[in-house]
């Protein structure tokens, strides 16, 4: 499955000054890891965000967010945000920062 390279580039730009960030092809798209833990990714034209189990319900209440599932299995603590909901840099940045903050709260891999 192809992924939105333009969205991936916008994520790269947002994270360009953050140390400890790496990219990895995953889930048929691309993932951005902070200290080895996935923070955000691009799958198709959408943004995948690791918000953690405690923040998932609040994240799902935000515009464009839906439950993340892989092969029919719900991924607890993850949401997928429609590409149209992150068309503005401010909205995208807020999601990226949330995903990175959660990844940073985990032990480095």
C-alpha atoms as a PDB file:
ATOM      1  CA  UNK A   1       0.000   0.000   0.000  1.00  0.00           C
ATOM      2  CA  UNK A   2       1.312   3.411  -0.915  1.00  0.00           C
ATOM      3  CA  UNK A   3       1.373   6.218   1.619  1.00  0.00           C
ATOM      4  CA  UNK A   4       1.051   9.988   1.315  1.00  0.00           C
ATOM      5  CA  UNK A   5       4.648  11.138   0.854  1.00  0.00           C
ATOM      6  CA  UNK A   6       3.583  14.779   1.227  1.00  0.00           C
ATOM      7  CA  UNK A   7       2.185  14.066   4.695  1.00  0.00           C
ATOM      8  CA  UNK A   8       5.341  12.146   5.594  1.00  0.00           C
ATOM      9  CA  UNK A   9       7.468  15.116   4.505  1.00  0.00           C
ATOM     10  CA  UNK A  10       5.415  17.489   6.656  1.00  0.00           C
ATOM     11  CA  UNK A  11       6.033  15.180   9.629  1.00  0.00           C
ATOM     12  CA  UNK A  12       9.770  15.113   8.837  1.00  0.00           C
ATOM     13  CA  UNK A  13       9.845  18.911   8.817  1.00  0.00           C
ATOM     14  CA  UNK A  14       7.999  19.128  12.128  1.00  0.00           C
ATOM     15  CA  UNK A  15      10.387  16.644  13.754  1.00  0.00           C
ATOM     16  CA  UNK A  16      13.556  17.967  12.110  1.00  0.00           C
ATOM     17  CA  UNK A  17      14.855  19.608  15.294  1.00  0.00           C
ATOM     18  CA  UNK A  18      13.986  16.704  17.599  1.00  0.00           C
ATOM     19  CA  UNK A  19      16.827  14.358  18.496  1.00  0.00           C
ATOM     20  CA  UNK A  20      16.281  10.619  18.749  1.00  0.00           C
ATOM     21  CA  UNK A  21      13.821  10.397  15.824  1.00  0.00           C
ATOM     22  CA  UNK A  22      14.099   7.685  13.183  1.00  0.00           C
ATOM     23  CA  UNK A  23      11.953   6.511  10.279  1.00  0.00           C
ATOM     24  CA  UNK A  24      10.973   2.936   9.565  1.00  0.00           C
ATOM     25  CA  UNK A  25       8.706   1.370   6.963  1.00  0.00           C
ATOM     26  CA  UNK A  26       5.862  -0.351   8.819  1.00  0.00           C
ATOM     27  CA  UNK A  27       2.186  -1.234   8.365  1.00  0.00           C
ATOM     28  CA  UNK A  28       2.419  -0.656   4.628  1.00  0.00           C
ATOM     29  CA  UNK A  29       3.417   2.944   5.313  1.00  0.00           C
ATOM     30  CA  UNK A  30       6.077   4.797   7.228  1.00  0.00           C
ATOM     31  CA  UNK A  31       6.529   5.218  10.964  1.00  0.00           C
ATOM     32  CA  UNK A  32       8.376   7.865  12.934  1.00  0.00           C
ATOM     33  CA  UNK A  33       9.970   6.544  16.107  1.00  0.00           C
ATOM     34  CA  UNK A  34      11.215   8.528  19.073  1.00  0.00           C
ATOM     35  CA  UNK A  35      13.929   6.733  21.047  1.00  0.00           C
ATOM     36  CA  UNK A  36      12.862   3.521  19.306  1.00  0.00           C
ATOM     37  CA  UNK A  37       9.156   3.817  20.158  1.00  0.00           C
ATOM     38  CA  UNK A  38       6.641   4.570  17.435  1.00  0.00           C
ATOM     39  CA  UNK A  39       5.035   7.994  17.852  1.00  0.00           C
ATOM     40  CA  UNK A  40       3.248   8.633  14.552  1.00  0.00           C
ATOM     41  CA  UNK A  41       3.038   7.155  11.101  1.00  0.00           C
ATOM     42  CA  UNK A  42       1.446   7.550   7.716  1.00  0.00           C
ATOM     43  CA  UNK A  43      -0.756   4.831   6.332  1.00  0.00           C
ATOM     44  CA  UNK A  44      -2.387   5.573   3.008  1.00  0.00           C
ATOM     45  CA  UNK A  45      -3.456   9.201   3.254  1.00  0.00           C
ATOM     46  CA  UNK A  46      -4.024   9.143   6.998  1.00  0.00           C
ATOM     47  CA  UNK A  47      -2.005   9.827  10.114  1.00  0.00           C
ATOM     48  CA  UNK A  48      -1.604   7.092  12.720  1.00  0.00           C
ATOM     49  CA  UNK A  49      -0.897   8.399  16.233  1.00  0.00           C
ATOM     50  CA  UNK A  50       0.152   6.555  19.382  1.00  0.00           C
ATOM     51  CA  UNK A  51      -1.655   8.399  22.152  1.00  0.00           C
ATOM     52  CA  UNK A  52      -1.614   5.692  24.832  1.00  0.00           C
ATOM     53  CA  UNK A  53      -4.561   3.885  26.392  1.00  0.00           C
ATOM     54  CA  UNK A  54      -5.402   6.644  28.883  1.00  0.00           C
ATOM     55  CA  UNK A  55      -5.732   9.321  26.184  1.00  0.00           C
ATOM     56  CA  UNK A  56      -7.477   7.239  23.522  1.00  0.00           C
ATOM     57  CA  UNK A  57     -11.079   8.219  24.332  1.00  0.00           C
ATOM     58  CA  UNK A  58     -10.270  11.938  24.343  1.00  0.00           C
ATOM     59  CA  UNK A  59      -8.319  11.560  21.095  1.00  0.00           C
ATOM     60  CA  UNK A  60     -11.234   9.774  19.437  1.00  0.00           C
ATOM     61  CA  UNK A  61     -13.487  12.736  20.241  1.00  0.00           C
ATOM     62  CA  UNK A  62     -11.323  15.044  18.103  1.00  0.00           C
ATOM     63  CA  UNK A  63     -12.204  15.850  14.465  1.00  0.00           C
ATOM     64  CA  UNK A  64     -11.215  13.190  11.958  1.00  0.00           C
ATOM     65  CA  UNK A  65     -10.046  10.628  14.533  1.00  0.00           C
ATOM     66  CA  UNK A  66     -11.179   7.025  14.482  1.00  0.00           C
ATOM     67  CA  UNK A  67     -10.223   3.738  16.091  1.00  0.00           C
ATOM     68  CA  UNK A  68      -7.084   2.197  14.689  1.00  0.00           C
ATOM     69  CA  UNK A  69      -7.426  -1.423  13.711  1.00  0.00           C
ATOM     70  CA  UNK A  70      -5.083  -3.773  11.964  1.00  0.00           C
ATOM     71  CA  UNK A  71      -6.703  -6.713  10.261  1.00  0.00           C
ATOM     72  CA  UNK A  72      -9.906  -6.252  12.239  1.00  0.00           C
ATOM     73  CA  UNK A  73      -8.097  -6.070  15.586  1.00  0.00           C
ATOM     74  CA  UNK A  74      -8.395  -2.811  17.558  1.00  0.00           C
ATOM     75  CA  UNK A  75      -5.037  -1.305  18.459  1.00  0.00           C
ATOM     76  CA  UNK A  76      -5.419  -0.043  22.011  1.00  0.00           C
ATOM     77  CA  UNK A  77      -3.874   3.380  22.543  1.00  0.00           C
ATOM     78  CA  UNK A  78      -3.694   4.224  18.834  1.00  0.00           C
ATOM     79  CA  UNK A  79      -5.895   6.388  16.627  1.00  0.00           C
ATOM     80  CA  UNK A  80      -6.007   7.096  12.925  1.00  0.00           C
ATOM     81  CA  UNK A  81      -6.661  10.681  11.870  1.00  0.00           C
ATOM     82  CA  UNK A  82      -8.091  11.432   8.439  1.00  0.00           C
ATOM     83  CA  UNK A  83      -5.638  13.266   6.209  1.00  0.00           C
ATOM     84  CA  UNK A  84      -8.201  16.018   5.703  1.00  0.00           C
ATOM     85  CA  UNK A  85      -8.227  16.671   9.468  1.00  0.00           C
ATOM     86  CA  UNK A  86      -4.478  17.388   9.472  1.00  0.00           C
ATOM     87  CA  UNK A  87      -4.398  19.558   6.360  1.00  0.00           C
ATOM     88  CA  UNK A  88      -3.452  22.553   8.506  1.00  0.00           C
ATOM     89  CA  UNK A  89       0.063  22.517   9.977  1.00  0.00           C
ATOM     90  CA  UNK A  90      -1.214  23.485  13.429  1.00  0.00           C
ATOM     91  CA  UNK A  91      -3.541  20.455  13.608  1.00  0.00           C
ATOM     92  CA  UNK A  92      -0.844  18.122  12.307  1.00  0.00           C
ATOM     93  CA  UNK A  93       1.708  19.514  14.758  1.00  0.00           C
ATOM     94  CA  UNK A  94      -0.625  18.974  17.714  1.00  0.00           C
ATOM     95  CA  UNK A  95      -1.087  15.311  16.819  1.00  0.00           C
ATOM     96  CA  UNK A  96       2.632  14.784  16.191  1.00  0.00           C
ATOM     97  CA  UNK A  97       3.508  16.385  19.519  1.00  0.00           C
ATOM     98  CA  UNK A  98       0.986  14.205  21.322  1.00  0.00           C
ATOM     99  CA  UNK A  99       2.360  11.039  19.746  1.00  0.00           C
ATOM    100  CA  UNK A 100       5.941  12.055  20.428  1.00  0.00           C
ATOM    101  CA  UNK A 101       5.149  12.911  24.059  1.00  0.00           C
ATOM    102  CA  UNK A 102       3.660   9.477  24.608  1.00  0.00           C
ATOM    103  CA  UNK A 103       6.594   7.737  22.891  1.00  0.00           C
ATOM    104  CA  UNK A 104       9.014   9.792  25.017  1.00  0.00           C
ATOM    105  CA  UNK A 105       7.246   8.589  28.175  1.00  0.00           C
ATOM    106  CA  UNK A 106       8.240   5.000  27.378  1.00  0.00           C
ATOM    107  CA  UNK A 107      11.632   3.439  28.079  1.00  0.00           C
ATOM    108  CA  UNK A 108      13.981   3.840  25.085  1.00  0.00           C
ATOM    109  CA  UNK A 109      14.444   0.750  22.913  1.00  0.00           C
END
